[in-house]
Amino acid sequence: MNKEIVSTKNAPAAIGPYSQAIKLGEFIFTSGQIPINPVKGEMETEIKAATKQVIQNIKGILEEAGSSLDKVIKTTVFLKDMNDFAAMNEVYAQYFGDKAPARSCVQAAKLPKDAVVEIEAIAVL
């Protein structure tokens, strides 16, 4: 099985030696996305706006790969502060609703560029 690198301008460019996502067979594995607006290059710092931007970034990557948010089967959420859990969930639920994927959520000591949230996703085609 050949892996295919997924790259789009609808999400921020990688800030290190990694791909935005990898497509392998019927699966797409996104790298962790932080709340950088790919057009403006600015990072959202308020948790609700940041969560929305992260999910929009994931959406852009998945669509480039031929998938969509409704085909996400697993996410991992990294929060700078677990006290933001309820606010993050409020926005997250707007995108995934009652058909939410499996998920893990942890507080991280520090995220890239001191982001307040980072999310990675696994989806199917």
C-alpha atoms as a PDB file:
ATOM      1  CA  MET A   1       0.000   0.000   0.000  1.00  0.00           C
ATOM      2  CA  ASN A   2       1.385   3.383  -0.987  1.00  0.00           C
ATOM      3  CA  LYS A   3       1.042   6.374   1.260  1.00  0.00           C
ATOM      4  CA  GLU A   4       0.044   9.666  -0.313  1.00  0.00           C
ATOM      5  CA  ILE A   5       0.895  13.056   1.153  1.00  0.00           C
ATOM      6  CA  VAL A   6      -2.077  15.407   1.449  1.00  0.00           C
ATOM      7  CA  SER A   7      -1.408  19.128   1.173  1.00  0.00           C
ATOM      8  CA  THR A   8      -3.784  22.072   0.891  1.00  0.00           C
ATOM      9  CA  LYS A   9      -3.728  25.843   1.182  1.00  0.00           C
ATOM     10  CA  ASN A  10      -7.001  25.546   3.160  1.00  0.00           C
ATOM     11  CA  ALA A  11      -4.992  24.732   6.276  1.00  0.00           C
ATOM     12  CA  PRO A  12      -1.772  26.179   7.656  1.00  0.00           C
ATOM     13  CA  ALA A  13       1.470  24.864   6.190  1.00  0.00           C
ATOM     14  CA  ALA A  14       3.438  22.456   8.340  1.00  0.00           C
ATOM     15  CA  ILE A  15       5.744  24.218  10.806  1.00  0.00           C
ATOM     16  CA  GLY A  16       8.150  21.293  10.935  1.00  0.00           C
ATOM     17  CA  PRO A  17       9.202  18.157   9.080  1.00  0.00           C
ATOM     18  CA  TYR A  18       5.743  16.600   8.740  1.00  0.00           C
ATOM     19  CA  SER A  19       2.819  16.471   6.319  1.00  0.00           C
ATOM     20  CA  GLN A  20      -0.601  18.028   6.871  1.00  0.00           C
ATOM     21  CA  ALA A  21      -2.003  14.523   6.389  1.00  0.00           C
ATOM     22  CA  ILE A  22      -1.268  11.099   5.001  1.00  0.00           C
ATOM     23  CA  LYS A  23      -3.725   9.073   2.953  1.00  0.00           C
ATOM     24  CA  LEU A  24      -3.205   5.324   3.206  1.00  0.00           C
ATOM     25  CA  GLY A  25      -5.736   3.024   1.625  1.00  0.00           C
ATOM     26  CA  GLU A  26      -9.174   4.168   2.810  1.00  0.00           C
ATOM     27  CA  PHE A  27      -7.789   6.172   5.733  1.00  0.00           C
ATOM     28  CA  ILE A  28      -6.655   9.776   6.173  1.00  0.00           C
ATOM     29  CA  PHE A  29      -4.488  10.643   9.173  1.00  0.00           C
ATOM     30  CA  THR A  30      -4.170  14.371   9.845  1.00  0.00           C
ATOM     31  CA  SER A  31      -1.314  15.896  11.745  1.00  0.00           C
ATOM     32  CA  GLY A  32      -2.297  17.924  14.771  1.00  0.00           C
ATOM     33  CA  GLN A  33      -3.818  21.221  13.728  1.00  0.00           C
ATOM     34  CA  ILE A  34      -3.434  24.388  15.731  1.00  0.00           C
ATOM     35  CA  PRO A  35      -5.690  27.453  15.360  1.00  0.00           C
ATOM     36  CA  ILE A  36      -3.776  29.327  12.670  1.00  0.00           C
ATOM     37  CA  ASN A  37      -5.936  30.928  10.006  1.00  0.00           C
ATOM     38  CA  PRO A  38      -4.329  29.789   6.717  1.00  0.00           C
ATOM     39  CA  VAL A  39      -5.332  32.996   4.897  1.00  0.00           C
ATOM     40  CA  LYS A  40      -4.322  35.575   7.505  1.00  0.00           C
ATOM     41  CA  GLY A  41      -1.533  33.585   9.137  1.00  0.00           C
ATOM     42  CA  GLU A  42      -2.832  34.659  12.545  1.00  0.00           C
ATOM     43  CA  MET A  43      -3.537  32.375  15.484  1.00  0.00           C
ATOM     44  CA  GLU A  44      -6.811  32.414  17.405  1.00  0.00           C
ATOM     45  CA  THR A  45      -6.214  32.537  21.157  1.00  0.00           C
ATOM     46  CA  GLU A  46      -9.764  32.445  22.578  1.00  0.00           C
ATOM     47  CA  ILE A  47     -10.741  28.785  23.061  1.00  0.00           C
ATOM     48  CA  LYS A  48     -14.048  28.813  21.153  1.00  0.00           C
ATOM     49  CA  ALA A  49     -12.650  30.700  18.164  1.00  0.00           C
ATOM     50  CA  ALA A  50      -9.520  28.550  18.320  1.00  0.00           C
ATOM     51  CA  THR A  51     -11.491  25.289  18.329  1.00  0.00           C
ATOM     52  CA  LYS A  52     -13.540  26.489  15.361  1.00  0.00           C
ATOM     53  CA  GLN A  53     -10.382  27.396  13.418  1.00  0.00           C
ATOM     54  CA  VAL A  54      -8.744  24.049  14.180  1.00  0.00           C
ATOM     55  CA  ILE A  55     -11.791  22.132  12.964  1.00  0.00           C
ATOM     56  CA  GLN A  56     -11.991  24.304   9.838  1.00  0.00           C
ATOM     57  CA  ASN A  57      -8.325  23.472   9.174  1.00  0.00           C
ATOM     58  CA  ILE A  58      -9.060  19.751   9.560  1.00  0.00           C
ATOM     59  CA  LYS A  59     -12.083  20.127   7.271  1.00  0.00           C
ATOM     60  CA  GLY A  60      -9.892  21.717   4.577  1.00  0.00           C
ATOM     61  CA  ILE A  61      -7.369  18.897   4.764  1.00  0.00           C
ATOM     62  CA  LEU A  62     -10.008  16.159   4.699  1.00  0.00           C
ATOM     63  CA  GLU A  63     -11.792  17.710   1.721  1.00  0.00           C
ATOM     64  CA  GLU A  64      -8.483  17.930  -0.166  1.00  0.00           C
ATOM     65  CA  ALA A  65      -8.045  14.197   0.515  1.00  0.00           C
ATOM     66  CA  GLY A  66     -11.569  13.383  -0.726  1.00  0.00           C
ATOM     67  CA  SER A  67     -13.185  12.964   2.686  1.00  0.00           C
ATOM     68  CA  SER A  68     -15.149  15.154   5.102  1.00  0.00           C
ATOM     69  CA  LEU A  69     -15.801  15.836   8.768  1.00  0.00           C
ATOM     70  CA  ASP A  70     -18.734  13.394   8.807  1.00  0.00           C
ATOM     71  CA  LYS A  71     -16.253  10.603   7.967  1.00  0.00           C
ATOM     72  CA  VAL A  72     -13.990  11.260  10.958  1.00  0.00           C
ATOM     73  CA  ILE A  73     -13.753   8.143  13.112  1.00  0.00           C
ATOM     74  CA  LYS A  74     -11.287   9.281  15.810  1.00  0.00           C
ATOM     75  CA  THR A  75      -9.873  12.534  17.117  1.00  0.00           C
ATOM     76  CA  THR A  76      -7.341  13.434  19.748  1.00  0.00           C
ATOM     77  CA  VAL A  77      -7.726  16.832  21.401  1.00  0.00           C
ATOM     78  CA  PHE A  78      -4.852  18.502  23.228  1.00  0.00           C
ATOM     79  CA  LEU A  79      -5.778  21.425  25.477  1.00  0.00           C
ATOM     80  CA  LYS A  80      -3.421  23.949  27.022  1.00  0.00           C
ATOM     81  CA  ASP A  81      -5.829  24.161  29.963  1.00  0.00           C
ATOM     82  CA  MET A  82      -8.376  21.466  30.858  1.00  0.00           C
ATOM     83  CA  ASN A  83     -10.557  24.265  32.253  1.00  0.00           C
ATOM     84  CA  ASP A  84     -11.351  25.002  28.567  1.00  0.00           C
ATOM     85  CA  PHE A  85     -12.903  21.536  28.148  1.00  0.00           C
ATOM     86  CA  ALA A  86     -16.567  22.688  28.283  1.00  0.00           C
ATOM     87  CA  ALA A  87     -16.020  25.621  25.901  1.00  0.00           C
ATOM     88  CA  MET A  88     -14.110  23.412  23.445  1.00  0.00           C
ATOM     89  CA  ASN A  89     -16.868  20.786  23.644  1.00  0.00           C
ATOM     90  CA  GLU A  90     -19.525  23.397  22.852  1.00  0.00           C
ATOM     91  CA  VAL A  91     -17.867  24.231  19.531  1.00  0.00           C
ATOM     92  CA  TYR A  92     -16.793  20.639  18.819  1.00  0.00           C
ATOM     93  CA  ALA A  93     -20.410  19.445  19.192  1.00  0.00           C
ATOM     94  CA  GLN A  94     -21.556  21.966  16.560  1.00  0.00           C
ATOM     95  CA  TYR A  95     -19.395  20.141  14.015  1.00  0.00           C
ATOM     96  CA  PHE A  96     -19.830  16.537  15.108  1.00  0.00           C
ATOM     97  CA  GLY A  97     -23.183  16.520  16.943  1.00  0.00           C
ATOM     98  CA  ASP A  98     -24.749  13.231  17.971  1.00  0.00           C
ATOM     99  CA  LYS A  99     -22.600  11.221  15.517  1.00  0.00           C
ATOM    100  CA  ALA A 100     -19.330  12.253  17.109  1.00  0.00           C
ATOM    101  CA  PRO A 101     -16.216  10.185  16.476  1.00  0.00           C
ATOM    102  CA  ALA A 102     -14.302   8.352  19.179  1.00  0.00           C
ATOM    103  CA  ARG A 103     -12.091  10.835  21.012  1.00  0.00           C
ATOM    104  CA  SER A 104      -9.367  11.306  23.564  1.00  0.00           C
ATOM    105  CA  CYS A 105      -8.734  14.646  25.247  1.00  0.00           C
ATOM    106  CA  VAL A 106      -5.701  15.535  27.343  1.00  0.00           C
ATOM    107  CA  GLN A 107      -4.109  18.612  28.802  1.00  0.00           C
ATOM    108  CA  ALA A 108      -0.654  19.183  27.333  1.00  0.00           C
ATOM    109  CA  ALA A 109       2.131  20.977  29.141  1.00  0.00           C
ATOM    110  CA  LYS A 110       2.850  23.077  26.042  1.00  0.00           C
ATOM    111  CA  LEU A 111       1.565  23.076  22.463  1.00  0.00           C
ATOM    112  CA  PRO A 112       3.318  24.353  19.322  1.00  0.00           C
ATOM    113  CA  LYS A 113       3.397  28.162  19.144  1.00  0.00           C
ATOM    114  CA  ASP A 114       1.750  28.148  22.611  1.00  0.00           C
ATOM    115  CA  ALA A 115      -1.638  27.308  21.038  1.00  0.00           C
ATOM    116  CA  VAL A 116      -4.644  26.835  23.333  1.00  0.00           C
ATOM    117  CA  VAL A 117      -5.860  23.737  21.450  1.00  0.00           C
ATOM    118  CA  GLU A 118      -4.581  21.195  18.942  1.00  0.00           C
ATOM    119  CA  ILE A 119      -6.646  18.440  17.321  1.00  0.00           C
ATOM    120  CA  GLU A 120      -5.646  15.518  15.105  1.00  0.00           C
ATOM    121  CA  ALA A 121      -8.100  13.318  13.246  1.00  0.00           C
ATOM    122  CA  ILE A 122      -8.408   9.972  11.521  1.00  0.00           C
ATOM    123  CA  ALA A 123     -11.051   9.716   8.808  1.00  0.00           C
ATOM    124  CA  VAL A 124     -12.120   7.339   6.067  1.00  0.00           C
ATOM    125  CA  LEU A 125     -12.751   8.092   2.433  1.00  0.00           C
END
